[in-house]
Amino acid sequence: MTETRGRKPGRPAGGHSGEGRAALLKAAQELMAEQGLPRVTLREVAERAGVQPGLVNYYFGNKQGLLRAVVREVASEMLARVQATAAGEGSPPERVREFIHGMIEANTAAPYAPRLIMEQVLFGDSAIVEEFVESFARPNLKAMLEVFDDGVGSGRFREIDPKYVLPAMAGACAFFFLGSPLLRRIYGIEAIDSEVAREFAESTAELILHGILRRAESPA
């Protein structure tokens, strides 16, 4: 039997090089958003992507490898939002507000992301933790440190310690989505749609800014 022309040896037929991988990543994210992270199976991902199930193992090794690849994809998109915010031309309070809105918008678009990142980064092996730190956390920190430095230097922010403020900001943005089952039962919030996300972002921004602005100043 002749090998399919142009196909990398060992790769199952049914997906051109690169296209199958992209289709699997897209399918995995769609199914996670629809069903929740624990329910997604590799067979469902392959069926949604329109490729042979063997391509999942070929590109990612196993489900854990696929989840790690999704983490990289989501973190890259979130980092782009953060860096665009930090590079903005607004005042430091405005940029903090935009940062919070950007993070929450990113989580709204990928509501499975906070749980996925928590599981893969906090409970994964050291390699994935280090990769996440270098590709997302450290660049994120650098971008927001510039905003804080501008705020303190211009007299808009009080002296603050970023290692305490940034985890509070990130945690607030993530836990709203991690706690969605509680929100549904306690407050009757069935889904975090764009309106709920916007109101939450505004509330969170107000809380954070009231904590870091100099006392004589009100939030921007």
C-alpha atoms as a PDB file:
ATOM      1  CA  MET A   1       0.000   0.000   0.000  1.00  0.00           C
ATOM      2  CA  THR A   2       1.393   3.396  -0.999  1.00  0.00           C
ATOM      3  CA  GLU A   3       1.863   6.048   1.693  1.00  0.00           C
ATOM      4  CA  THR A   4      -0.316   9.126   1.160  1.00  0.00           C
ATOM      5  CA  ARG A   5       1.832  11.708  -0.597  1.00  0.00           C
ATOM      6  CA  GLY A   6       2.866  14.640   1.583  1.00  0.00           C
ATOM      7  CA  ARG A   7       1.845  12.905   4.795  1.00  0.00           C
ATOM      8  CA  LYS A   8       4.398  12.801   7.579  1.00  0.00           C
ATOM      9  CA  PRO A   9       5.313   9.187   8.425  1.00  0.00           C
ATOM     10  CA  GLY A  10       3.301   7.955  11.372  1.00  0.00           C
ATOM     11  CA  ARG A  11       0.603  10.594  11.065  1.00  0.00           C
ATOM     12  CA  PRO A  12      -2.919   9.183  10.593  1.00  0.00           C
ATOM     13  CA  ALA A  13      -4.653  10.227   7.403  1.00  0.00           C
ATOM     14  CA  GLY A  14      -7.454  12.753   7.698  1.00  0.00           C
ATOM     15  CA  GLY A  15      -5.748  16.023   8.500  1.00  0.00           C
ATOM     16  CA  HIS A  16      -3.164  18.051   6.608  1.00  0.00           C
ATOM     17  CA  SER A  17      -0.071  18.925   8.605  1.00  0.00           C
ATOM     18  CA  GLY A  18      -0.915  21.783  10.987  1.00  0.00           C
ATOM     19  CA  GLU A  19      -4.567  21.966   9.916  1.00  0.00           C
ATOM     20  CA  GLY A  20      -5.542  18.916  11.954  1.00  0.00           C
ATOM     21  CA  ARG A  21      -3.799  20.277  15.025  1.00  0.00           C
ATOM     22  CA  ALA A  22      -5.524  23.656  14.743  1.00  0.00           C
ATOM     23  CA  ALA A  23      -8.894  21.964  14.196  1.00  0.00           C
ATOM     24  CA  LEU A  24      -8.417  19.810  17.292  1.00  0.00           C
ATOM     25  CA  LEU A  25      -7.507  22.809  19.451  1.00  0.00           C
ATOM     26  CA  LYS A  26     -10.542  24.730  18.223  1.00  0.00           C
ATOM     27  CA  ALA A  27     -12.834  21.738  18.775  1.00  0.00           C
ATOM     28  CA  ALA A  28     -11.485  21.142  22.274  1.00  0.00           C
ATOM     29  CA  GLN A  29     -12.133  24.753  23.281  1.00  0.00           C
ATOM     30  CA  GLU A  30     -15.651  24.706  21.843  1.00  0.00           C
ATOM     31  CA  LEU A  31     -16.551  21.501  23.688  1.00  0.00           C
ATOM     32  CA  MET A  32     -15.050  22.742  26.966  1.00  0.00           C
ATOM     33  CA  ALA A  33     -17.185  25.880  26.709  1.00  0.00           C
ATOM     34  CA  GLU A  34     -20.317  23.845  25.941  1.00  0.00           C
ATOM     35  CA  GLN A  35     -19.942  20.886  28.297  1.00  0.00           C
ATOM     36  CA  GLY A  36     -17.427  21.847  30.929  1.00  0.00           C
ATOM     37  CA  LEU A  37     -13.875  20.613  31.165  1.00  0.00           C
ATOM     38  CA  PRO A  38     -14.325  17.197  32.855  1.00  0.00           C
ATOM     39  CA  ARG A  39     -16.901  15.867  30.378  1.00  0.00           C
ATOM     40  CA  VAL A  40     -14.916  16.330  27.181  1.00  0.00           C
ATOM     41  CA  THR A  41     -13.585  13.117  25.619  1.00  0.00           C
ATOM     42  CA  LEU A  42     -10.882  12.777  22.988  1.00  0.00           C
ATOM     43  CA  ARG A  43     -13.296  10.990  20.643  1.00  0.00           C
ATOM     44  CA  GLU A  44     -15.702  13.937  20.852  1.00  0.00           C
ATOM     45  CA  VAL A  45     -12.873  16.344  20.129  1.00  0.00           C
ATOM     46  CA  ALA A  46     -11.821  14.352  17.058  1.00  0.00           C
ATOM     47  CA  GLU A  47     -15.406  14.094  15.804  1.00  0.00           C
ATOM     48  CA  ARG A  48     -15.978  17.837  16.234  1.00  0.00           C
ATOM     49  CA  ALA A  49     -12.695  18.557  14.431  1.00  0.00           C
ATOM     50  CA  GLY A  50     -13.610  16.171  11.622  1.00  0.00           C
ATOM     51  CA  VAL A  51     -10.412  14.155  11.896  1.00  0.00           C
ATOM     52  CA  GLN A  52      -9.421  10.642  12.896  1.00  0.00           C
ATOM     53  CA  PRO A  53      -9.081  10.057  16.671  1.00  0.00           C
ATOM     54  CA  GLY A  54      -5.497   8.931  16.097  1.00  0.00           C
ATOM     55  CA  LEU A  55      -4.529  12.498  15.255  1.00  0.00           C
ATOM     56  CA  VAL A  56      -5.102  13.520  18.878  1.00  0.00           C
ATOM     57  CA  ASN A  57      -2.374  11.156  20.037  1.00  0.00           C
ATOM     58  CA  TYR A  58      -0.178  12.072  17.080  1.00  0.00           C
ATOM     59  CA  TYR A  59      -0.198  15.800  17.817  1.00  0.00           C
ATOM     60  CA  PHE A  60      -0.628  15.858  21.608  1.00  0.00           C
ATOM     61  CA  GLY A  61       0.250  12.402  22.957  1.00  0.00           C
ATOM     62  CA  ASN A  62      -2.830  12.131  25.172  1.00  0.00           C
ATOM     63  CA  LYS A  63      -5.603  14.211  26.745  1.00  0.00           C
ATOM     64  CA  GLN A  64      -3.162  15.845  29.152  1.00  0.00           C
ATOM     65  CA  GLY A  65      -1.045  16.991  26.218  1.00  0.00           C
ATOM     66  CA  LEU A  66      -4.110  18.399  24.486  1.00  0.00           C
ATOM     67  CA  LEU A  67      -5.115  20.309  27.625  1.00  0.00           C
ATOM     68  CA  ARG A  68      -1.630  21.763  27.933  1.00  0.00           C
ATOM     69  CA  ALA A  69      -1.780  22.928  24.336  1.00  0.00           C
ATOM     70  CA  VAL A  70      -5.111  24.617  25.025  1.00  0.00           C
ATOM     71  CA  VAL A  71      -3.557  26.343  28.062  1.00  0.00           C
ATOM     72  CA  ARG A  72      -0.802  27.721  25.820  1.00  0.00           C
ATOM     73  CA  GLU A  73      -3.346  28.962  23.295  1.00  0.00           C
ATOM     74  CA  VAL A  74      -5.599  30.617  25.871  1.00  0.00           C
ATOM     75  CA  ALA A  75      -2.674  32.139  27.792  1.00  0.00           C
ATOM     76  CA  SER A  76      -1.287  33.592  24.570  1.00  0.00           C
ATOM     77  CA  GLU A  77      -4.611  35.268  23.781  1.00  0.00           C
ATOM     78  CA  MET A  78      -4.942  36.627  27.323  1.00  0.00           C
ATOM     79  CA  LEU A  79      -1.380  37.926  27.292  1.00  0.00           C
ATOM     80  CA  ALA A  80      -2.060  39.830  24.066  1.00  0.00           C
ATOM     81  CA  ARG A  81      -5.007  41.548  25.783  1.00  0.00           C
ATOM     82  CA  VAL A  82      -2.933  42.433  28.834  1.00  0.00           C
ATOM     83  CA  GLN A  83      -0.036  43.835  26.845  1.00  0.00           C
ATOM     84  CA  ALA A  84      -2.374  45.924  24.694  1.00  0.00           C
ATOM     85  CA  THR A  85      -3.899  47.339  27.871  1.00  0.00           C
ATOM     86  CA  ALA A  86      -0.572  48.112  29.516  1.00  0.00           C
ATOM     87  CA  ALA A  87       0.659  49.818  26.360  1.00  0.00           C
ATOM     88  CA  GLY A  88      -2.415  52.062  26.211  1.00  0.00           C
ATOM     89  CA  GLU A  89      -2.296  55.829  26.357  1.00  0.00           C
ATOM     90  CA  GLY A  90      -4.755  56.304  29.205  1.00  0.00           C
ATOM     91  CA  SER A  91      -3.948  57.292  32.773  1.00  0.00           C
ATOM     92  CA  PRO A  92      -2.724  54.561  35.150  1.00  0.00           C
ATOM     93  CA  PRO A  93      -6.203  54.180  36.745  1.00  0.00           C
ATOM     94  CA  GLU A  94      -7.766  53.891  33.291  1.00  0.00           C
ATOM     95  CA  ARG A  95      -5.242  51.244  32.288  1.00  0.00           C
ATOM     96  CA  VAL A  96      -5.881  49.233  35.461  1.00  0.00           C
ATOM     97  CA  ARG A  97      -9.598  49.406  34.690  1.00  0.00           C
ATOM     98  CA  GLU A  98      -8.974  48.283  31.109  1.00  0.00           C
ATOM     99  CA  PHE A  99      -6.736  45.464  32.335  1.00  0.00           C
ATOM    100  CA  ILE A 100      -9.506  44.125  34.550  1.00  0.00           C
ATOM    101  CA  HIS A 101     -12.073  44.445  31.765  1.00  0.00           C
ATOM    102  CA  GLY A 102      -9.693  42.693  29.368  1.00  0.00           C
ATOM    103  CA  MET A 103      -9.071  39.772  31.713  1.00  0.00           C
ATOM    104  CA  ILE A 104     -12.768  39.298  32.384  1.00  0.00           C
ATOM    105  CA  GLU A 105     -13.646  39.589  28.695  1.00  0.00           C
ATOM    106  CA  ALA A 106     -11.046  36.909  27.952  1.00  0.00           C
ATOM    107  CA  ASN A 107     -12.544  34.626  30.599  1.00  0.00           C
ATOM    108  CA  THR A 108     -16.037  35.289  29.270  1.00  0.00           C
ATOM    109  CA  ALA A 109     -14.909  34.196  25.818  1.00  0.00           C
ATOM    110  CA  ALA A 110     -13.260  31.072  27.298  1.00  0.00           C
ATOM    111  CA  PRO A 111     -15.124  30.344  30.574  1.00  0.00           C
ATOM    112  CA  TYR A 112     -13.335  27.014  30.959  1.00  0.00           C
ATOM    113  CA  ALA A 113      -9.928  28.748  30.985  1.00  0.00           C
ATOM    114  CA  PRO A 114      -9.618  29.577  34.718  1.00  0.00           C
ATOM    115  CA  ARG A 115     -10.269  25.989  35.781  1.00  0.00           C
ATOM    116  CA  LEU A 116      -8.057  24.578  33.048  1.00  0.00           C
ATOM    117  CA  ILE A 117      -5.188  26.894  33.943  1.00  0.00           C
ATOM    118  CA  MET A 118      -5.604  26.182  37.664  1.00  0.00           C
ATOM    119  CA  GLU A 119      -5.500  22.426  37.135  1.00  0.00           C
ATOM    120  CA  GLN A 120      -2.627  22.420  34.656  1.00  0.00           C
ATOM    121  CA  VAL A 121      -0.466  25.065  36.331  1.00  0.00           C
ATOM    122  CA  LEU A 122      -1.100  24.615  40.039  1.00  0.00           C
ATOM    123  CA  PHE A 123      -1.323  20.840  39.995  1.00  0.00           C
ATOM    124  CA  GLY A 124       0.767  19.981  36.939  1.00  0.00           C
ATOM    125  CA  ASP A 125       4.409  19.035  36.681  1.00  0.00           C
ATOM    126  CA  SER A 126       7.237  21.548  36.959  1.00  0.00           C
ATOM    127  CA  ALA A 127       7.732  21.770  33.184  1.00  0.00           C
ATOM    128  CA  ILE A 128       4.240  23.130  32.459  1.00  0.00           C
ATOM    129  CA  VAL A 129       4.454  25.449  35.480  1.00  0.00           C
ATOM    130  CA  GLU A 130       7.763  26.879  34.273  1.00  0.00           C
ATOM    131  CA  GLU A 131       6.431  27.259  30.745  1.00  0.00           C
ATOM    132  CA  PHE A 132       3.374  29.146  32.007  1.00  0.00           C
ATOM    133  CA  VAL A 133       5.527  31.414  34.165  1.00  0.00           C
ATOM    134  CA  GLU A 134       7.863  32.320  31.317  1.00  0.00           C
ATOM    135  CA  SER A 135       5.267  32.639  28.546  1.00  0.00           C
ATOM    136  CA  PHE A 136       2.431  34.291  30.473  1.00  0.00           C
ATOM    137  CA  ALA A 137       2.953  35.196  34.120  1.00  0.00           C
ATOM    138  CA  ARG A 138       6.284  36.978  33.814  1.00  0.00           C
ATOM    139  CA  PRO A 139       5.362  39.094  30.730  1.00  0.00           C
ATOM    140  CA  ASN A 140       2.015  39.862  32.394  1.00  0.00           C
ATOM    141  CA  LEU A 141       3.797  40.973  35.552  1.00  0.00           C
ATOM    142  CA  LYS A 142       6.217  43.151  33.590  1.00  0.00           C
ATOM    143  CA  ALA A 143       3.368  44.896  31.752  1.00  0.00           C
ATOM    144  CA  MET A 144       1.415  45.653  34.909  1.00  0.00           C
ATOM    145  CA  LEU A 145       4.504  46.742  36.859  1.00  0.00           C
ATOM    146  CA  GLU A 146       4.945  49.486  34.283  1.00  0.00           C
ATOM    147  CA  VAL A 147       1.381  50.658  34.932  1.00  0.00           C
ATOM    148  CA  PHE A 148       1.896  50.613  38.702  1.00  0.00           C
ATOM    149  CA  ASP A 149       5.220  52.449  38.401  1.00  0.00           C
ATOM    150  CA  ASP A 150       3.530  55.130  36.279  1.00  0.00           C
ATOM    151  CA  GLY A 151       0.746  55.420  38.831  1.00  0.00           C
ATOM    152  CA  VAL A 152       3.080  55.787  41.802  1.00  0.00           C
ATOM    153  CA  GLY A 153       5.447  58.094  39.914  1.00  0.00           C
ATOM    154  CA  SER A 154       2.626  60.406  38.866  1.00  0.00           C
ATOM    155  CA  GLY A 155       1.203  60.508  42.373  1.00  0.00           C
ATOM    156  CA  ARG A 156      -2.047  58.797  41.356  1.00  0.00           C
ATOM    157  CA  PHE A 157      -1.357  55.563  43.262  1.00  0.00           C
ATOM    158  CA  ARG A 158      -0.158  55.161  46.812  1.00  0.00           C
ATOM    159  CA  GLU A 159       2.948  53.086  47.424  1.00  0.00           C
ATOM    160  CA  ILE A 160       1.838  49.509  46.774  1.00  0.00           C
ATOM    161  CA  ASP A 161       3.474  46.089  46.730  1.00  0.00           C
ATOM    162  CA  PRO A 162       2.622  44.434  43.381  1.00  0.00           C
ATOM    163  CA  LYS A 163       3.184  40.918  44.724  1.00  0.00           C
ATOM    164  CA  TYR A 164       0.058  41.400  46.843  1.00  0.00           C
ATOM    165  CA  VAL A 165      -2.034  43.538  44.506  1.00  0.00           C
ATOM    166  CA  LEU A 166      -1.612  41.509  41.305  1.00  0.00           C
ATOM    167  CA  PRO A 167      -2.691  38.165  42.820  1.00  0.00           C
ATOM    168  CA  ALA A 168      -5.762  39.930  44.233  1.00  0.00           C
ATOM    169  CA  MET A 169      -6.629  41.297  40.787  1.00  0.00           C
ATOM    170  CA  ALA A 170      -6.000  38.013  38.988  1.00  0.00           C
ATOM    171  CA  GLY A 171      -7.796  36.005  41.647  1.00  0.00           C
ATOM    172  CA  ALA A 172     -10.878  38.209  41.506  1.00  0.00           C
ATOM    173  CA  CYS A 173     -11.030  37.929  37.718  1.00  0.00           C
ATOM    174  CA  ALA A 174     -10.694  34.138  37.812  1.00  0.00           C
ATOM    175  CA  PHE A 175     -12.794  33.143  40.813  1.00  0.00           C
ATOM    176  CA  PHE A 176     -15.989  34.653  39.436  1.00  0.00           C
ATOM    177  CA  PHE A 177     -15.778  32.017  36.689  1.00  0.00           C
ATOM    178  CA  LEU A 178     -14.445  29.227  38.895  1.00  0.00           C
ATOM    179  CA  GLY A 179     -17.351  29.848  41.242  1.00  0.00           C
ATOM    180  CA  SER A 180     -20.056  29.881  38.569  1.00  0.00           C
ATOM    181  CA  PRO A 181     -21.870  26.864  40.116  1.00  0.00           C
ATOM    182  CA  LEU A 182     -22.171  28.863  43.348  1.00  0.00           C
ATOM    183  CA  LEU A 183     -23.353  31.973  41.505  1.00  0.00           C
ATOM    184  CA  ARG A 184     -26.089  29.933  39.883  1.00  0.00           C
ATOM    185  CA  ARG A 185     -27.326  28.503  43.166  1.00  0.00           C
ATOM    186  CA  ILE A 186     -26.915  31.581  45.369  1.00  0.00           C
ATOM    187  CA  TYR A 187     -27.689  34.481  43.027  1.00  0.00           C
ATOM    188  CA  GLY A 188     -29.557  32.772  40.212  1.00  0.00           C
ATOM    189  CA  ILE A 189     -26.917  33.728  37.617  1.00  0.00           C
ATOM    190  CA  GLU A 190     -27.409  31.010  35.021  1.00  0.00           C
ATOM    191  CA  ALA A 191     -24.720  32.211  32.627  1.00  0.00           C
ATOM    192  CA  ILE A 192     -21.942  34.806  32.674  1.00  0.00           C
ATOM    193  CA  ASP A 193     -22.965  36.709  29.575  1.00  0.00           C
ATOM    194  CA  SER A 194     -21.477  39.957  28.295  1.00  0.00           C
ATOM    195  CA  GLU A 195     -23.725  42.123  30.481  1.00  0.00           C
ATOM    196  CA  VAL A 196     -22.959  40.218  33.693  1.00  0.00           C
ATOM    197  CA  ALA A 197     -19.241  40.224  32.808  1.00  0.00           C
ATOM    198  CA  ARG A 198     -19.233  43.994  32.197  1.00  0.00           C
ATOM    199  CA  GLU A 199     -20.971  44.711  35.518  1.00  0.00           C
ATOM    200  CA  PHE A 200     -18.589  42.392  37.358  1.00  0.00           C
ATOM    201  CA  ALA A 201     -15.577  44.038  35.704  1.00  0.00           C
ATOM    202  CA  GLU A 202     -16.791  47.487  36.762  1.00  0.00           C
ATOM    203  CA  SER A 203     -17.393  46.327  40.334  1.00  0.00           C
ATOM    204  CA  THR A 204     -13.957  44.700  40.534  1.00  0.00           C
ATOM    205  CA  ALA A 205     -12.228  47.733  39.038  1.00  0.00           C
ATOM    206  CA  GLU A 206     -13.873  50.005  41.602  1.00  0.00           C
ATOM    207  CA  LEU A 207     -12.740  47.800  44.475  1.00  0.00           C
ATOM    208  CA  ILE A 208      -9.153  47.540  43.240  1.00  0.00           C
ATOM    209  CA  LEU A 209      -8.838  51.230  42.436  1.00  0.00           C
ATOM    210  CA  HIS A 210     -10.237  52.300  45.785  1.00  0.00           C
ATOM    211  CA  GLY A 211      -7.500  50.203  47.338  1.00  0.00           C
ATOM    212  CA  ILE A 212      -4.548  51.608  45.377  1.00  0.00           C
ATOM    213  CA  LEU A 213      -5.491  55.230  44.646  1.00  0.00           C
ATOM    214  CA  ARG A 214      -4.302  57.967  46.932  1.00  0.00           C
ATOM    215  CA  ARG A 215      -7.034  58.773  49.434  1.00  0.00           C
ATOM    216  CA  ALA A 216      -7.758  62.239  48.012  1.00  0.00           C
ATOM    217  CA  GLU A 217      -8.576  60.810  44.582  1.00  0.00           C
ATOM    218  CA  SER A 218     -11.666  58.977  43.364  1.00  0.00           C
ATOM    219  CA  PRO A 219     -11.521  56.184  40.747  1.00  0.00           C
ATOM    220  CA  ALA A 220     -11.135  57.345  37.149  1.00  0.00           C
END
